[in-house]
Protein backbone atom coordinates (compact mmCIF):
# COMPACT_ATOMS: atom_id res chain seq x y z
CA MET A 1 -29.24 -5.78 25.86
CA LYS A 2 -26.25 -3.69 26.95
CA GLU A 3 -24.61 -6.74 28.52
CA SER A 4 -24.97 -8.80 25.37
CA VAL A 5 -23.50 -6.01 23.23
CA ILE A 6 -20.52 -5.66 25.55
CA GLN A 7 -20.11 -9.43 25.64
CA ALA A 8 -20.23 -9.56 21.83
CA LEU A 9 -17.69 -6.74 21.52
CA SER A 10 -15.38 -8.44 24.03
CA ALA A 11 -15.64 -11.69 22.10
CA LEU A 12 -14.95 -9.86 18.84
CA MET A 13 -11.93 -8.15 20.38
CA LEU A 14 -10.53 -11.46 21.57
CA LEU A 15 -11.25 -13.01 18.18
CA CYS A 16 -9.32 -10.22 16.44
CA PHE A 17 -6.42 -10.64 18.85
CA SER A 18 -6.36 -14.39 18.29
CA VAL A 19 -6.34 -13.82 14.52
CA LEU A 20 -3.34 -11.52 14.90
CA VAL A 21 -1.51 -14.05 17.06
CA GLY A 22 -2.41 -16.80 14.60
CA MET A 23 -1.05 -14.74 11.71
CA VAL A 24 2.25 -14.34 13.56
CA GLY A 25 2.41 -18.10 14.04
CA ILE A 26 1.58 -18.75 10.40
CA GLY A 27 4.27 -16.27 9.39
CA PHE A 28 6.88 -18.16 11.40
CA LEU A 29 5.66 -21.48 9.99
CA ILE A 30 6.00 -20.14 6.45
CA ALA A 31 9.48 -18.80 7.18
CA GLY A 32 10.46 -22.15 8.67
CA LEU A 33 9.08 -24.02 5.66
CA TYR A 34 11.01 -21.80 3.29
CA LEU A 35 14.25 -22.16 5.25
CA GLY A 36 13.76 -25.91 5.50
CA LEU A 37 13.19 -26.24 1.76
CA THR A 38 16.35 -24.28 0.97
CA HIS A 39 18.34 -27.33 2.12
CA TRP A 40 16.99 -29.35 -0.81
CA LEU A 41 16.03 -26.69 -3.35
CA GLN A 42 17.47 -23.48 -4.72
CA PRO A 43 16.04 -20.37 -2.98
CA ALA A 44 13.76 -19.60 -5.95
CA GLY A 45 12.41 -23.17 -5.94
CA ALA A 46 11.87 -23.07 -2.18
CA ALA A 47 9.99 -19.78 -2.52
CA ALA A 48 7.84 -21.19 -5.34
CA ALA A 49 7.02 -24.34 -3.35
CA THR A 50 6.17 -22.30 -0.25
CA GLY A 51 3.99 -19.90 -2.25
CA GLY A 52 2.22 -22.79 -4.02
CA LEU A 53 1.47 -24.46 -0.70
CA ILE A 54 0.10 -21.19 0.70
CA LEU A 55 -2.14 -20.75 -2.34
CA LEU A 56 -3.40 -24.31 -1.97
CA VAL A 57 -4.23 -23.80 1.71
CA THR A 58 -5.91 -20.48 0.84
CA LEU A 59 -8.03 -22.17 -1.82
CA LEU A 60 -9.10 -24.87 0.63
CA LEU A 61 -10.00 -22.25 3.26
CA LEU A 62 -12.04 -20.28 0.70
CA LEU A 63 -13.93 -23.41 -0.30
CA LEU A 64 -14.60 -24.18 3.36
CA CYS A 65 -15.89 -20.63 3.90
CA LYS A 66 -18.18 -20.98 0.89
CA VAL A 67 -19.61 -24.21 2.28
CA ILE A 68 -20.15 -22.63 5.69
CA VAL A 69 -21.69 -19.41 4.36
CA SER A 70 -23.93 -20.96 1.71
CA PRO A 71 -27.43 -21.50 3.03
CA GLY A 72 -28.26 -25.07 3.78
CA ARG A 73 -31.67 -26.66 3.74
CA LYS A 74 -32.92 -26.59 7.27
CA PRO A 75 -36.38 -27.54 8.43
CA ARG A 76 -38.46 -24.45 9.00
CA GLN A 77 -39.40 -23.90 12.60
CA GLU A 78 -42.55 -22.11 13.60
CA GLN A 79 -41.89 -18.83 15.39
CA PRO A 80 -44.17 -16.02 16.44
CA GLN A 81 -44.64 -13.42 13.68
CA ASP A 82 -43.09 -10.50 15.63
CA GLU A 83 -39.98 -12.46 16.55
CA LEU A 84 -39.60 -13.70 12.97
CA SER A 85 -39.90 -10.22 11.48
CA GLY A 86 -37.34 -8.91 13.99
CA LEU A 87 -34.95 -11.70 13.08
CA LEU A 88 -35.42 -10.98 9.38
CA GLN A 89 -34.71 -7.29 9.91
CA ASN A 90 -31.56 -8.12 11.90
CA ALA A 91 -30.42 -10.55 9.22
CA ALA A 92 -31.00 -7.98 6.48
CA SER A 93 -29.05 -5.30 8.32
CA MET A 94 -26.19 -7.72 9.04
CA GLN A 95 -26.14 -8.74 5.39
CA ARG A 96 -25.90 -5.06 4.33
CA MET A 97 -23.06 -4.47 6.79
CA THR A 98 -21.28 -7.60 5.58
CA ARG A 99 -21.53 -6.48 1.95
CA GLN A 100 -20.21 -3.04 2.85
CA LEU A 101 -17.30 -4.50 4.83
CA GLU A 102 -16.53 -6.96 2.04
CA SER A 103 -16.46 -4.21 -0.60
CA THR A 104 -14.19 -2.09 1.61
CA VAL A 105 -11.79 -4.98 2.15
CA ARG A 106 -11.77 -5.83 -1.58
CA GLU A 107 -11.21 -2.21 -2.49
CA HIS A 108 -8.26 -1.91 -0.10
CA LYS A 109 -7.00 -5.50 -0.19
CA PRO A 110 -3.27 -4.66 -0.40
CA LEU A 111 -3.61 -2.23 2.49
CA PHE A 112 -5.41 -4.79 4.68
CA THR A 113 -2.88 -7.49 3.79
CA ALA A 114 0.13 -5.28 4.43
CA GLY A 115 -1.36 -3.92 7.64
CA SER A 116 -2.14 -7.38 8.97
CA PHE A 117 1.34 -8.60 8.11
CA ALA A 118 2.96 -5.53 9.70
CA VAL A 119 0.95 -5.87 12.92
CA GLY A 120 1.62 -9.60 13.09
CA PHE A 121 5.32 -9.14 12.47
CA TYR A 122 5.57 -6.34 15.03
CA LEU A 123 3.77 -8.41 17.67
CA GLY A 124 5.96 -11.37 16.79
CA VAL A 125 9.24 -9.57 17.34
CA ASN A 126 8.32 -7.18 20.15
CA PRO A 127 7.42 -8.77 23.50
CA GLU A 128 6.66 -5.37 25.03
CA ALA A 129 4.02 -4.73 22.33
CA ARG A 130 2.41 -8.11 23.10
CA ARG A 131 2.30 -7.26 26.81
CA ALA A 132 0.86 -3.80 26.13
CA LEU A 133 -1.81 -5.23 23.82
CA GLY A 134 -2.69 -7.90 26.36
CA ALA A 135 -2.97 -5.32 29.12
CA ALA A 136 -5.16 -3.09 26.94
CA LEU A 137 -7.47 -5.99 26.08
CA LYS A 138 -7.68 -7.00 29.72
CA GLU A 139 -8.49 -3.44 30.79
CA ALA A 140 -11.09 -2.98 28.06
CA THR A 141 -12.76 -6.27 28.97
CA ALA A 142 -12.80 -5.40 32.68
CA HIS A 143 -14.17 -1.95 31.85
CA GLY A 144 -16.91 -3.47 29.69
CA LEU A 145 -17.87 -5.93 32.40
CA ARG A 146 -18.03 -3.17 35.03
CA GLU A 147 -20.23 -1.10 32.72
CA ALA A 148 -22.50 -4.08 32.07
CA GLU A 149 -22.88 -4.73 35.78
CA GLY A 150 -23.58 -1.02 36.36
CA HIS A 151 -20.95 -0.54 39.07
CA GLY A 152 -20.42 3.19 39.01
CA LYS A 153 -18.22 5.23 36.79
CA PRO A 154 -15.97 3.62 34.21
CA ALA A 155 -12.38 3.19 35.32
CA GLY A 156 -9.53 4.62 33.34
CA ARG A 157 -8.82 7.97 31.79
CA PRO A 158 -11.25 10.88 32.17
């Protein structure tokens, strides 16, 4: 159980890091699109076209998320009663956590957006920050794997 939790946390950490790196890349793509459009359009028109394209992509991503999240009709598989009740309890607790996280993000949407942009921009312009973050992720993953394998005390700071 401990190994799977550590593995899930490591995967989540890498997923978050990849989202940050992806946001930096998207930021540079948007800046490049804007600068490219300024050759043919006035700056205000280039900004409007860039913003419209971003809104369109966002709408498509939201629709894709809705399709993925909405329950589909799957054939019901027979499972033992204990396993099924455990799965239902896990699903209910995950759904509660998801609702709580969603309400927190909606409540503080500007803060999350600005924070994500700031972190992405900082990682995009500061190679030392990228190296430090990579080293921290590598150390945390190695620490988690050592803990999962049960090899003595955790390495690092006391």
